[in-house]
Amino acid sequence: MTELGNRLKEARIEKGFSLDDLQTMTKIQKRYLIGIEEGNYSSMPGNFYVRAFIKQYAEALNLNPDEIFETYKSEIPASYNEELPQQLSRVKTHKSISEGNSKIFDILPKVLIGVFVLGVAGLLYYFLYNHAGSDSNESVGKDNEQVKFVQSENLEKAKANELEKQNTEKETKKEEEKTPVVEAPKQEITVVQSQGRNSTYSLKNADKFVVKLVATGKSWVGVKNSTGKMIYQWTLDKDKVPSQTVDLTAETNPVIRVGNAAGVEIYVNDQKLEYAVAPTQNVQNITIQYVPKTQ
């Protein structure tokens, strides 16, 4: 095992992560993670991927990748992009083809727009020429008609209906003022039990169950349903991915697993969840028992 591999492995164990946890967080296959810890890079696709995997491994453990590369540069292979000449050749070929056709494509939309405008103008001229005369004759005939003002026979009835409506609204308002207002019970979050890295809370009197995760530092966060299946996971960073919101109304006992509890704040329906983090327990498993308001 190399010095780099030993340092990364110790940092992973200190934070309470298994290789399976790290595989889920970084999307790097477990056999490559083992190769990094053992200093065996022969199974990896190339030097570029070796450096990329080491960088992701370090970031998942909140280590500085630049410091890792500088300290252990003698152990980390240099990166060579063997495909660069071929890629440059493809770009050059694509560019030569595109430049030849770009002028034609630039002119074509303008020609089509010009033809469309001329067609619309011709239709408008035809319509106005054929219909303007008949419309003007009809309007002159209508202007000569005598305008009659007829008083509505239902005017008095309309006034009576309006008065009755106003009286009804006044009576309704008085009844509403007499009726006492019963406030709905407020949301309640209580601690069921808390031991080490495992805590359980109860959520009651809530119509919904929406969790917002806000990064104050950097941490991996995963959400499991009541059957233990991972349904969501993110790497939160206050500078890159500051927050995530997830609707868990359909879940009754979800578990929120936080890799670096000190770097994440949890809000349940906009109410901050207060949980204590022991100095030696960065990883936290938080179970929230949701009881819908209708039950």
Protein backbone atom coordinates (compact mmCIF):
# COMPACT_ATOMS: atom_id res chain seq x y z
CA MET A 1 0.00 0.00 0.00
CA THR A 2 1.35 3.47 -0.93
CA GLU A 3 1.45 6.46 1.41
CA LEU A 4 -1.32 8.10 -0.63
CA GLY A 5 -3.52 5.00 -0.47
CA ASN A 6 -2.93 4.66 3.26
CA ARG A 7 -3.89 8.30 3.89
CA LEU A 8 -7.09 8.06 1.83
CA LYS A 9 -8.12 4.79 3.49
CA GLU A 10 -7.54 6.21 6.99
CA ALA A 11 -9.59 9.33 6.13
CA ARG A 12 -12.44 7.14 4.80
CA ILE A 13 -12.50 4.95 7.92
CA GLU A 14 -12.32 8.01 10.20
CA LYS A 15 -15.48 9.43 8.58
CA GLY A 16 -17.29 6.12 8.94
CA PHE A 17 -17.61 5.33 5.20
CA SER A 18 -17.37 1.86 3.74
CA LEU A 19 -16.16 1.23 0.18
CA ASP A 20 -19.80 0.66 -0.81
CA ASP A 21 -20.73 4.08 0.62
CA LEU A 22 -17.89 5.70 -1.28
CA GLN A 23 -18.90 3.92 -4.49
CA THR A 24 -22.43 5.35 -4.12
CA MET A 25 -21.09 8.86 -3.41
CA THR A 26 -18.52 9.04 -6.24
CA LYS A 27 -20.02 6.64 -8.84
CA ILE A 28 -16.55 5.05 -9.11
CA GLN A 29 -16.49 1.24 -9.27
CA LYS A 30 -15.44 -0.43 -6.04
CA ARG A 31 -12.52 -2.28 -7.70
CA TYR A 32 -11.02 1.09 -8.77
CA LEU A 33 -11.40 2.45 -5.21
CA ILE A 34 -9.56 -0.61 -3.89
CA GLY A 35 -6.86 -0.05 -6.54
CA ILE A 36 -6.39 3.57 -5.37
CA GLU A 37 -6.03 2.52 -1.73
CA GLU A 38 -3.58 -0.26 -2.65
CA GLY A 39 -1.65 1.90 -5.13
CA ASN A 40 -2.46 -0.53 -7.96
CA TYR A 41 -3.42 1.54 -11.03
CA SER A 42 -2.93 -1.21 -13.63
CA SER A 43 -6.64 -2.10 -13.72
CA MET A 44 -7.72 1.48 -14.60
CA PRO A 45 -8.40 2.72 -18.15
CA GLY A 46 -5.48 5.17 -18.20
CA ASN A 47 -3.51 7.82 -16.33
CA PHE A 48 -6.18 10.46 -16.92
CA TYR A 49 -8.79 8.33 -15.13
CA VAL A 50 -6.35 7.56 -12.29
CA ARG A 51 -5.99 11.27 -11.54
CA ALA A 52 -9.71 11.92 -11.97
CA PHE A 53 -10.68 9.07 -9.61
CA ILE A 54 -8.18 10.23 -6.95
CA LYS A 55 -9.60 13.78 -7.16
CA GLN A 56 -13.21 12.52 -6.68
CA TYR A 57 -12.11 10.25 -3.81
CA ALA A 58 -10.42 13.20 -2.02
CA GLU A 59 -13.36 15.58 -2.54
CA ALA A 60 -15.84 13.02 -1.15
CA LEU A 61 -13.77 12.97 2.07
CA ASN A 62 -13.50 16.79 2.21
CA LEU A 63 -9.76 16.64 1.42
CA ASN A 64 -8.00 19.24 -0.75
CA PRO A 65 -7.23 17.56 -4.13
CA ASP A 66 -4.52 20.12 -5.00
CA GLU A 67 -2.69 19.41 -1.74
CA ILE A 68 -3.04 15.64 -2.35
CA PHE A 69 -1.56 15.91 -5.88
CA GLU A 70 1.31 18.11 -4.70
CA THR A 71 2.21 15.98 -1.66
CA TYR A 72 2.06 12.61 -3.46
CA LYS A 73 3.04 13.67 -6.99
CA SER A 74 5.78 11.03 -7.05
CA GLU A 75 3.14 8.29 -6.56
CA ILE A 76 0.49 9.63 -8.95
CA PRO A 77 1.09 9.00 -12.69
CA ALA A 78 1.19 11.98 -15.04
CA SER A 79 -1.76 12.46 -17.42
CA TYR A 80 -1.27 12.21 -21.19
CA ASN A 81 -4.13 12.79 -23.62
CA GLU A 82 -3.38 10.24 -26.31
CA GLU A 83 -6.55 11.03 -28.25
CA LEU A 84 -5.81 14.76 -28.64
CA PRO A 85 -4.30 14.63 -32.18
CA GLN A 86 -7.27 12.58 -33.45
CA GLN A 87 -9.78 14.98 -31.85
CA LEU A 88 -7.99 17.99 -33.34
CA SER A 89 -8.14 16.35 -36.77
CA ARG A 90 -11.90 15.83 -36.46
CA VAL A 91 -12.44 19.44 -35.36
CA LYS A 92 -10.42 20.72 -38.31
CA THR A 93 -12.38 18.60 -40.80
CA HIS A 94 -15.73 19.65 -39.31
CA LYS A 95 -14.67 23.30 -39.40
CA SER A 96 -13.70 23.17 -43.10
CA ILE A 97 -17.05 21.59 -44.00
CA SER A 98 -19.04 24.05 -41.87
CA GLU A 99 -17.33 27.15 -43.31
CA GLY A 100 -18.28 26.11 -46.83
CA ASN A 101 -21.96 25.77 -46.02
CA SER A 102 -22.33 28.55 -43.43
CA LYS A 103 -22.78 31.32 -46.05
CA ILE A 104 -25.62 29.43 -47.76
CA PHE A 105 -27.41 28.81 -44.45
CA ASP A 106 -27.00 32.48 -43.47
CA ILE A 107 -28.71 33.71 -46.67
CA LEU A 108 -31.47 31.07 -46.89
CA PRO A 109 -33.59 32.27 -43.88
CA LYS A 110 -33.58 35.85 -45.19
CA VAL A 111 -34.85 34.74 -48.61
CA LEU A 112 -37.65 32.67 -47.05
CA ILE A 113 -38.70 35.58 -44.81
CA GLY A 114 -38.81 37.92 -47.83
CA VAL A 115 -41.03 35.51 -49.80
CA PHE A 116 -43.36 35.12 -46.79
CA VAL A 117 -43.72 38.90 -46.31
CA LEU A 118 -44.51 39.44 -49.99
CA GLY A 119 -47.15 36.69 -49.89
CA VAL A 120 -48.87 38.19 -46.82
CA ALA A 121 -48.84 41.66 -48.36
CA GLY A 122 -50.48 40.33 -51.55
CA LEU A 123 -53.26 38.59 -49.61
CA LEU A 124 -53.97 41.71 -47.57
CA TYR A 125 -54.20 43.87 -50.70
CA TYR A 126 -56.60 41.39 -52.36
CA PHE A 127 -58.83 41.22 -49.29
CA LEU A 128 -59.03 45.00 -48.82
CA TYR A 129 -59.67 45.69 -52.52
CA ASN A 130 -62.61 43.25 -52.73
CA HIS A 131 -64.28 43.92 -49.39
CA ALA A 132 -63.68 47.58 -48.62
CA GLY A 133 -66.47 48.81 -50.89
CA SER A 134 -69.21 46.53 -49.52
CA ASP A 135 -68.23 47.19 -45.87
CA SER A 136 -68.38 50.96 -46.36
CA ASN A 137 -71.88 50.79 -47.87
CA GLU A 138 -73.18 48.72 -44.97
CA SER A 139 -71.70 51.12 -42.41
CA VAL A 140 -73.31 54.14 -44.09
CA GLY A 141 -76.72 52.44 -43.98
CA LYS A 142 -76.34 51.66 -40.29
CA ASP A 143 -75.28 55.21 -39.45
CA ASN A 144 -78.52 56.55 -40.97
CA GLU A 145 -80.71 54.35 -38.81
CA GLN A 146 -82.44 56.11 -35.94
CA VAL A 147 -81.01 55.18 -32.57
CA LYS A 148 -83.62 54.19 -30.05
CA PHE A 149 -83.17 54.11 -26.34
CA VAL A 150 -85.49 51.64 -24.67
CA GLN A 151 -85.85 51.61 -20.93
CA SER A 152 -85.54 48.09 -19.51
CA GLU A 153 -88.79 46.66 -18.18
CA ASN A 154 -86.81 44.79 -15.54
CA LEU A 155 -84.98 47.87 -14.17
CA GLU A 156 -86.95 47.93 -10.91
CA LYS A 157 -86.56 44.21 -10.52
CA ALA A 158 -82.79 44.48 -10.99
CA LYS A 159 -82.59 47.19 -8.32
CA ALA A 160 -84.56 45.01 -5.88
CA ASN A 161 -82.25 42.04 -6.53
CA GLU A 162 -79.17 44.17 -5.92
CA LEU A 163 -80.58 45.48 -2.63
CA GLU A 164 -81.41 41.93 -1.52
CA LYS A 165 -77.89 40.79 -2.41
CA GLN A 166 -76.34 43.56 -0.30
CA ASN A 167 -78.53 42.67 2.69
CA THR A 168 -77.58 38.99 2.37
CA GLU A 169 -73.87 39.84 2.31
CA LYS A 170 -74.26 41.98 5.46
CA GLU A 171 -76.02 39.14 7.30
CA THR A 172 -73.36 36.64 6.21
CA LYS A 173 -70.59 38.93 7.44
CA LYS A 174 -72.27 39.29 10.84
CA GLU A 175 -72.58 35.51 11.19
CA GLU A 176 -68.91 35.06 10.30
CA GLU A 177 -67.91 37.59 12.94
CA LYS A 178 -69.92 35.71 15.58
CA THR A 179 -68.42 32.30 14.67
CA PRO A 180 -65.29 31.62 16.76
CA VAL A 181 -62.12 30.93 14.80
CA VAL A 182 -60.60 27.55 15.63
CA GLU A 183 -56.91 27.43 14.88
CA ALA A 184 -55.52 24.23 13.42
CA PRO A 185 -52.93 22.46 15.58
CA LYS A 186 -49.38 23.47 14.74
CA GLN A 187 -46.78 21.13 13.31
CA GLU A 188 -44.93 19.19 16.01
CA ILE A 189 -41.47 17.60 15.72
CA THR A 190 -40.31 15.64 18.76
CA VAL A 191 -37.33 13.43 19.57
CA VAL A 192 -38.24 9.75 19.94
CA GLN A 193 -34.72 8.55 20.69
CA SER A 194 -31.11 9.58 20.04
CA GLN A 195 -28.02 7.46 20.51
CA GLY A 196 -24.63 8.01 18.90
CA ARG A 197 -25.03 8.52 15.17
CA ASN A 198 -28.65 7.30 15.10
CA SER A 199 -31.58 9.63 15.90
CA THR A 200 -35.35 9.20 15.49
CA TYR A 201 -37.92 12.03 15.33
CA SER A 202 -41.72 12.13 15.12
CA LEU A 203 -43.53 14.54 12.76
CA LYS A 204 -47.20 15.24 13.60
CA ASN A 205 -49.96 17.74 12.64
CA ALA A 206 -48.48 18.28 9.16
CA ASP A 207 -50.37 18.22 5.87
CA LYS A 208 -47.14 17.55 3.97
CA PHE A 209 -43.61 16.26 4.51
CA VAL A 210 -41.11 18.38 2.56
CA VAL A 211 -37.42 18.27 3.53
CA LYS A 212 -34.94 20.98 2.54
CA LEU A 213 -31.20 20.33 2.95
CA VAL A 214 -29.02 23.47 3.17
CA ALA A 215 -25.22 23.21 2.92
CA THR A 216 -23.11 25.16 5.39
CA GLY A 217 -19.98 23.38 4.21
CA LYS A 218 -19.59 20.24 2.09
CA SER A 219 -21.21 16.85 2.67
CA TRP A 220 -22.73 13.82 1.00
CA VAL A 221 -26.42 13.25 1.80
CA GLY A 222 -28.59 10.23 0.97
CA VAL A 223 -32.29 9.48 1.60
CA LYS A 224 -33.59 5.93 2.09
CA ASN A 225 -37.26 4.87 2.18
CA SER A 226 -38.80 2.70 4.91
CA THR A 227 -37.59 -0.46 3.13
CA GLY A 228 -33.95 0.72 3.22
CA LYS A 229 -33.71 1.54 -0.52
CA MET A 230 -31.67 4.63 -1.42
CA ILE A 231 -34.07 6.91 -3.35
CA TYR A 232 -32.08 10.19 -3.38
CA GLN A 233 -28.43 11.19 -2.95
CA TRP A 234 -26.41 14.37 -3.47
CA THR A 235 -23.07 15.94 -2.67
CA LEU A 236 -23.93 19.36 -1.21
CA ASP A 237 -21.50 22.28 -1.36
CA LYS A 238 -22.40 25.77 -0.15
CA ASP A 239 -20.49 27.28 -3.11
CA LYS A 240 -21.67 24.86 -5.85
CA VAL A 241 -24.80 22.97 -4.76
CA PRO A 242 -26.08 24.97 -1.75
CA SER A 243 -29.39 23.16 -1.21
CA GLN A 244 -31.76 20.37 -2.26
CA THR A 245 -35.51 19.99 -1.61
CA VAL A 246 -37.40 16.68 -1.67
CA ASP A 247 -41.08 15.85 -1.07
CA LEU A 248 -41.37 12.81 1.24
CA THR A 249 -45.13 13.05 1.87
CA ALA A 250 -45.58 9.54 0.46
CA GLU A 251 -43.00 8.10 2.90
CA THR A 252 -43.70 7.19 6.56
CA ASN A 253 -40.24 6.31 7.95
CA PRO A 254 -37.53 7.72 5.65
CA VAL A 255 -33.90 7.79 6.82
CA ILE A 256 -31.65 10.77 6.03
CA ARG A 257 -27.96 9.77 6.08
CA VAL A 258 -25.53 12.71 6.34
CA GLY A 259 -21.81 12.14 5.75
CA ASN A 260 -20.69 15.39 7.39
CA ALA A 261 -23.49 16.42 9.75
CA ALA A 262 -21.79 19.67 10.73
CA GLY A 263 -21.95 20.81 7.10
CA VAL A 264 -25.72 20.42 6.55
CA GLU A 265 -28.85 22.00 8.05
CA ILE A 266 -32.16 20.10 7.75
CA TYR A 267 -35.53 21.85 7.47
CA VAL A 268 -38.86 19.97 7.70
CA ASN A 269 -41.72 22.01 6.20
CA ASP A 270 -39.51 25.13 6.73
CA GLN A 271 -38.94 24.24 10.42
CA LYS A 272 -35.28 23.67 11.29
CA LEU A 273 -34.52 20.25 12.73
CA GLU A 274 -32.32 20.67 15.79
CA TYR A 275 -30.03 17.69 16.27
CA ALA A 276 -26.83 17.37 18.29
CA VAL A 277 -23.66 16.24 16.53
CA ALA A 278 -21.04 14.53 18.69
CA PRO A 279 -17.42 15.54 17.88
CA THR A 280 -16.57 11.94 16.95
CA GLN A 281 -19.82 11.20 15.10
CA ASN A 282 -19.73 13.12 11.78
CA VAL A 283 -22.00 10.57 10.09
CA GLN A 284 -25.64 10.81 11.21
CA ASN A 285 -28.61 8.55 10.44
CA ILE A 286 -31.81 10.55 11.02
CA THR A 287 -35.15 8.69 10.90
CA ILE A 288 -38.34 10.80 10.73
CA GLN A 289 -41.61 9.05 11.55
CA TYR A 290 -44.31 10.92 9.60
CA VAL A 291 -47.92 10.66 10.79
CA PRO A 292 -50.25 12.35 8.23
CA LYS A 293 -52.61 14.93 9.71
CA THR A 294 -55.70 12.95 8.67
CA GLN A 295 -54.69 9.99 10.81
